[in-house]
C-alpha cells in the first residue's frame, strides 16, 4: 500500500512501531473514545496487526496512519473499510431489498489536533483514492448526531447527511457521498 501526501500530512500504512502512539490517541484520550469503547494495549495491538495484514489482502482498504509532515508525529488514523455496511440503514433506501453500501470512511485524530482541518484534509485524500483509484461507487461515514466535528467534516467532504435508522445506531447519522464518475467508462 502506497503512502499519500497532502500539503501538511503523510497518510501511510501503519507499522507495529505505531502501537503506543495509536493506543494513546484512539483508546486513552477520553475526548476521542468513550472509556466503554476503548481497547487495552494488547487488544489495540491485535487491531493494528489486523490492519497491517489486511493491506495485502484488500489493497486500498483499511486504516492508515495520519502523520504531520512537519514533525513526523502520528496524530491519528483514516481509512476506508467494507465491514460496517450492515450497520447503516438509510430512509431513502428502506424499500430497496438490495440496499448495500460499498464502503465506509472513518477517521480519528488526537484531540490536541482538532480544529486545524487535519481530519478534513486526510479524509479528502482518502475520498480521492476511493473514487479515483479504487473506483468505488460511493462511500459513507457514520457518527452520533451530536458529534458536530465529524458531521462538519462530512459536510466539508460534500456528503449528504441522513439519519441512520439501524437499531444499533439510533440517534446516529450517515454521511453519503456518491462518486461523480460512477458508471462512467474508463478511457
Protein backbone atom coordinates (compact mmCIF):
# COMPACT_ATOMS: atom_id res chain seq x y z
CA UNK A 1 0.00 0.00 0.00
CA UNK A 2 1.42 3.33 -1.02
CA UNK A 3 1.56 6.48 1.08
CA UNK A 4 -0.46 9.58 0.26
CA UNK A 5 0.86 13.10 0.74
CA UNK A 6 -1.22 16.22 1.22
CA UNK A 7 0.01 19.73 1.92
CA UNK A 8 0.53 19.03 5.62
CA UNK A 9 0.06 15.29 6.08
CA UNK A 10 1.61 11.96 5.23
CA UNK A 11 -1.01 9.21 5.17
CA UNK A 12 0.86 5.94 5.26
CA UNK A 13 0.41 2.29 6.14
CA UNK A 14 0.71 1.56 9.83
CA UNK A 15 3.69 -0.32 11.24
CA UNK A 16 3.81 -2.16 14.54
CA UNK A 17 6.04 0.67 15.82
CA UNK A 18 2.93 2.90 15.79
CA UNK A 19 1.25 0.86 18.54
CA UNK A 20 1.91 3.08 21.58
CA UNK A 21 1.01 6.31 19.79
CA UNK A 22 -2.12 4.83 18.21
CA UNK A 23 -3.26 3.40 21.55
CA UNK A 24 -2.75 6.78 23.25
CA UNK A 25 -4.84 8.51 20.57
CA UNK A 26 -7.66 6.04 20.00
CA UNK A 27 -8.01 4.39 23.41
CA UNK A 28 -6.62 6.66 26.11
CA UNK A 29 -7.90 10.08 25.01
CA UNK A 30 -11.42 10.34 26.52
CA UNK A 31 -12.35 13.05 24.02
CA UNK A 32 -11.66 10.63 21.13
CA UNK A 33 -13.10 7.41 22.54
CA UNK A 34 -15.53 6.77 25.36
CA UNK A 35 -13.96 4.54 28.02
CA UNK A 36 -16.50 1.75 27.44
CA UNK A 37 -15.42 1.52 23.78
CA UNK A 38 -11.67 1.77 24.27
CA UNK A 39 -9.28 -1.16 23.97
CA UNK A 40 -6.41 -2.38 26.11
CA UNK A 41 -2.91 -2.13 24.69
CA UNK A 42 -2.99 -5.84 23.85
CA UNK A 43 -6.35 -5.50 22.08
CA UNK A 44 -5.09 -2.46 20.17
CA UNK A 45 -2.04 -4.48 19.10
CA UNK A 46 -4.36 -7.17 17.70
CA UNK A 47 -6.29 -4.47 15.80
CA UNK A 48 -3.05 -2.98 14.47
CA UNK A 49 -1.77 -6.37 13.31
CA UNK A 50 -5.14 -6.88 11.59
CA UNK A 51 -4.76 -3.54 9.76
CA UNK A 52 -1.23 -4.41 8.65
CA UNK A 53 -2.17 -7.92 7.50
CA UNK A 54 -5.18 -6.59 5.62
CA UNK A 55 -3.09 -4.33 3.40
CA UNK A 56 -2.06 -7.33 1.28
CA UNK A 57 -5.49 -8.96 1.26
CA UNK A 58 -7.58 -5.88 0.44
CA UNK A 59 -5.42 -3.29 -1.28
CA UNK A 60 -6.62 0.24 -0.65
CA UNK A 61 -8.85 -0.72 2.27
CA UNK A 62 -8.06 -0.37 5.95
CA UNK A 63 -6.91 2.27 8.37
CA UNK A 64 -3.74 4.23 7.64
CA UNK A 65 -1.59 6.39 9.90
CA UNK A 66 -2.06 10.16 9.70
CA UNK A 67 1.29 11.84 10.32
CA UNK A 68 2.19 15.54 10.43
CA UNK A 69 4.83 16.05 7.75
CA UNK A 70 6.39 18.95 9.65
CA UNK A 71 7.14 16.90 12.79
CA UNK A 72 6.79 13.25 11.75
CA UNK A 73 4.34 12.78 14.62
CA UNK A 74 1.43 10.31 14.36
CA UNK A 75 -1.77 12.26 15.06
CA UNK A 76 -4.48 9.79 14.09
CA UNK A 77 -5.88 7.37 11.58
CA UNK A 78 -8.08 7.45 8.48
CA UNK A 79 -9.30 4.68 6.26
CA UNK A 80 -11.86 3.10 4.01
CA UNK A 81 -13.43 -0.17 5.17
CA UNK A 82 -16.15 -2.52 3.95
CA UNK A 83 -17.15 -4.20 7.19
CA UNK A 84 -19.64 -1.67 8.60
CA UNK A 85 -22.15 -1.53 5.75
CA UNK A 86 -24.60 -3.80 7.58
CA UNK A 87 -24.86 -1.23 10.39
CA UNK A 88 -26.24 1.51 8.15
CA UNK A 89 -29.90 1.85 7.17
CA UNK A 90 -30.94 4.91 5.22
CA UNK A 91 -34.53 6.08 4.94
CA UNK A 92 -34.25 6.70 1.20
CA UNK A 93 -33.39 3.02 0.67
CA UNK A 94 -35.80 1.24 3.02
CA UNK A 95 -37.77 -0.24 0.11
CA UNK A 96 -34.67 -1.44 -1.72
CA UNK A 97 -34.03 -5.13 -0.97
CA UNK A 98 -30.50 -4.72 -2.30
CA UNK A 99 -29.62 -1.81 -0.03
CA UNK A 100 -25.87 -2.20 0.30
CA UNK A 101 -23.24 0.41 0.88
CA UNK A 102 -19.93 -0.23 -0.75
CA UNK A 103 -17.57 1.23 1.84
CA UNK A 104 -17.24 3.43 4.91
CA UNK A 105 -14.68 6.14 5.52
CA UNK A 106 -13.69 6.83 9.11
CA UNK A 107 -11.17 8.95 10.97
CA UNK A 108 -9.87 9.58 14.48
CA UNK A 109 -7.43 12.32 15.43
CA UNK A 110 -5.86 13.14 18.76
CA UNK A 111 -7.96 15.82 20.44
CA UNK A 112 -4.99 18.19 20.64
CA UNK A 113 -5.03 18.29 16.82
CA UNK A 114 -8.72 19.07 16.43
CA UNK A 115 -9.76 22.34 14.83
CA UNK A 116 -6.87 22.58 12.34
CA UNK A 117 -8.55 20.94 9.34
CA UNK A 118 -6.41 17.80 9.51
CA UNK A 119 -9.39 15.41 9.58
CA UNK A 120 -10.89 17.04 6.50
CA UNK A 121 -7.53 17.04 4.72
CA UNK A 122 -6.92 13.35 5.47
CA UNK A 123 -10.49 12.30 4.64
CA UNK A 124 -10.47 14.29 1.39
CA UNK A 125 -7.29 12.46 0.33
CA UNK A 126 -8.93 9.10 1.10
CA UNK A 127 -12.07 10.07 -0.83
CA UNK A 128 -9.88 10.78 -3.85
CA UNK A 129 -8.22 7.37 -3.53
CA UNK A 130 -11.57 5.65 -3.00
CA UNK A 131 -13.13 7.20 -6.09
CA UNK A 132 -10.21 7.56 -8.50
CA UNK A 133 -8.00 4.58 -7.69
CA UNK A 134 -10.35 2.07 -6.04
CA UNK A 135 -13.28 3.14 -8.27
CA UNK A 136 -15.86 2.81 -5.51
CA UNK A 137 -19.38 3.94 -6.38
CA UNK A 138 -19.99 5.68 -3.07
CA UNK A 139 -18.73 5.94 0.44
CA UNK A 140 -20.41 6.67 3.74
CA UNK A 141 -19.39 7.74 7.20
CA UNK A 142 -21.34 7.22 10.41
CA UNK A 143 -21.31 9.02 13.73
CA UNK A 144 -23.56 10.10 16.55
CA UNK A 145 -25.69 13.11 15.62
CA UNK A 146 -24.14 15.14 18.45
CA UNK A 147 -20.59 14.61 17.13
CA UNK A 148 -20.64 18.01 15.47
CA UNK A 149 -16.96 17.90 14.50
CA UNK A 150 -17.36 14.71 12.45
CA UNK A 151 -20.62 15.90 10.93
CA UNK A 152 -18.79 19.10 9.93
CA UNK A 153 -16.06 17.04 8.22
CA UNK A 154 -18.77 15.07 6.40
CA UNK A 155 -20.32 18.31 5.15
CA UNK A 156 -16.93 19.68 4.05
CA UNK A 157 -16.44 16.49 2.02
CA UNK A 158 -19.75 17.19 0.29
CA UNK A 159 -21.60 14.33 1.96
CA UNK A 160 -25.38 14.26 2.16
CA UNK A 161 -26.32 13.84 5.85
CA UNK A 162 -29.09 11.36 6.63
CA UNK A 163 -30.45 9.69 9.74
CA UNK A 164 -29.07 6.22 10.32
CA UNK A 165 -32.14 4.09 11.03
CA UNK A 166 -30.28 0.94 12.06
CA UNK A 167 -31.38 -0.08 15.60
CA UNK A 168 -27.76 -0.16 16.83
CA UNK A 169 -27.21 3.43 15.67
CA UNK A 170 -30.38 5.17 16.84
CA UNK A 171 -29.55 8.84 17.10
CA UNK A 172 -26.79 8.41 14.58
CA UNK A 173 -26.28 9.95 11.19
CA UNK A 174 -24.70 8.77 7.99
CA UNK A 175 -22.89 10.97 5.53
CA UNK A 176 -23.26 9.68 1.97
CA UNK A 177 -21.07 10.69 -0.95
CA UNK A 178 -21.59 9.34 -4.46
CA UNK A 179 -18.69 9.07 -6.88
CA UNK A 180 -19.43 11.60 -9.62
CA UNK A 181 -17.74 9.27 -12.10
CA UNK A 182 -19.66 6.12 -11.09
CA UNK A 183 -20.88 4.27 -14.11
CA UNK A 184 -18.65 6.19 -16.49
CA UNK A 185 -16.46 4.19 -18.77
CA UNK A 186 -12.73 4.50 -18.13
CA UNK A 187 -10.82 5.61 -21.25
